[in-house]
Amino acid sequence: MEITVEEDRCVASGQCVMTVPEVFDQRDEDGVVVLLDARPPAAAHDGVRAAVALCPAAAIRLTQGQRPGG
């Protein structure tokens, strides 16, 4: 799994951060999403999918990516 975010679409709702804080954060000045891990471990995949579904601006996208070596 690989994650991309469109910061210009983000409405700073914070749903992604509340759902998977190890993958997403927010900028202090305006609350816009900050991607902490574009290729999170498998244990976070369900949470990331939930964050994508909860994002009111559809600012988070998933693609299938491979980690090096696996």
Protein backbone atom coordinates (compact mmCIF):
# COMPACT_ATOMS: atom_id res chain seq x y z
CA MET A 1 0.00 0.00 0.00
CA GLU A 2 1.19 3.47 -0.86
CA ILE A 3 -0.54 6.66 0.27
CA THR A 4 -0.64 10.05 -1.41
CA VAL A 5 -2.36 13.14 -0.08
CA GLU A 6 -3.60 16.23 -1.87
CA GLU A 7 -2.89 18.98 0.62
CA ASP A 8 -4.78 21.55 -1.44
CA ARG A 9 -7.98 19.48 -1.07
CA CYS A 10 -7.61 18.92 2.69
CA VAL A 11 -10.22 20.68 4.83
CA ALA A 12 -8.38 19.98 8.11
CA SER A 13 -11.10 17.85 9.68
CA GLY A 14 -8.53 15.65 11.41
CA GLN A 15 -10.38 12.39 10.81
CA CYS A 16 -7.25 10.75 9.38
CA VAL A 17 -5.15 11.77 12.39
CA MET A 18 -7.70 10.47 14.86
CA THR A 19 -7.96 7.19 12.94
CA VAL A 20 -4.26 6.46 12.28
CA PRO A 21 -2.00 8.90 14.18
CA GLU A 22 1.09 6.88 13.31
CA VAL A 23 0.50 7.59 9.60
CA PHE A 24 -1.07 11.07 9.55
CA ASP A 25 -0.54 14.34 11.40
CA GLN A 26 -1.69 17.92 10.92
CA ARG A 27 0.24 21.15 10.44
CA ASP A 28 0.02 23.36 13.51
CA GLU A 29 -0.65 26.55 11.59
CA ASP A 30 -3.65 25.43 9.53
CA GLY A 31 -4.50 21.81 10.34
CA VAL A 32 -3.73 20.50 6.85
CA VAL A 33 -2.77 16.83 6.67
CA VAL A 34 0.86 15.78 6.97
CA LEU A 35 1.72 12.31 5.71
CA LEU A 36 4.12 10.64 8.13
CA ASP A 37 4.44 7.27 6.39
CA ALA A 38 3.60 6.89 2.69
CA ARG A 39 4.13 3.12 2.89
CA PRO A 40 2.81 2.03 6.26
CA PRO A 41 3.24 -1.49 7.62
CA ALA A 42 0.48 -4.03 7.02
CA ALA A 43 -0.77 -3.62 10.58
CA ALA A 44 -1.89 -0.07 9.72
CA HIS A 45 -3.63 -0.87 6.42
CA ASP A 46 -7.14 -1.30 7.85
CA GLY A 47 -6.85 1.99 9.71
CA VAL A 48 -5.58 3.77 6.61
CA ARG A 49 -8.52 2.44 4.58
CA ALA A 50 -10.87 3.74 7.27
CA ALA A 51 -9.15 7.14 7.18
CA VAL A 52 -9.61 7.28 3.40
CA ALA A 53 -13.31 6.51 3.79
CA LEU A 54 -13.72 9.13 6.55
CA CYS A 55 -11.92 11.97 4.75
CA PRO A 56 -14.64 14.50 3.87
CA ALA A 57 -12.53 16.07 1.11
CA ALA A 58 -11.30 12.83 -0.50
CA ALA A 59 -7.76 14.18 -0.09
CA ILE A 60 -6.17 10.77 0.60
CA ARG A 61 -5.51 8.23 -2.14
CA LEU A 62 -4.22 4.68 -2.02
CA THR A 63 -2.23 2.73 -4.55
CA GLN A 64 -0.74 -0.71 -4.33
CA GLY A 65 2.97 -0.39 -3.68
CA GLN A 66 5.67 -2.82 -2.77
CA ARG A 67 8.19 -2.33 0.00
CA PRO A 68 11.75 -3.05 -1.06
CA GLY A 69 12.55 -6.67 -0.37
CA GLY A 70 8.96 -7.78 -0.11
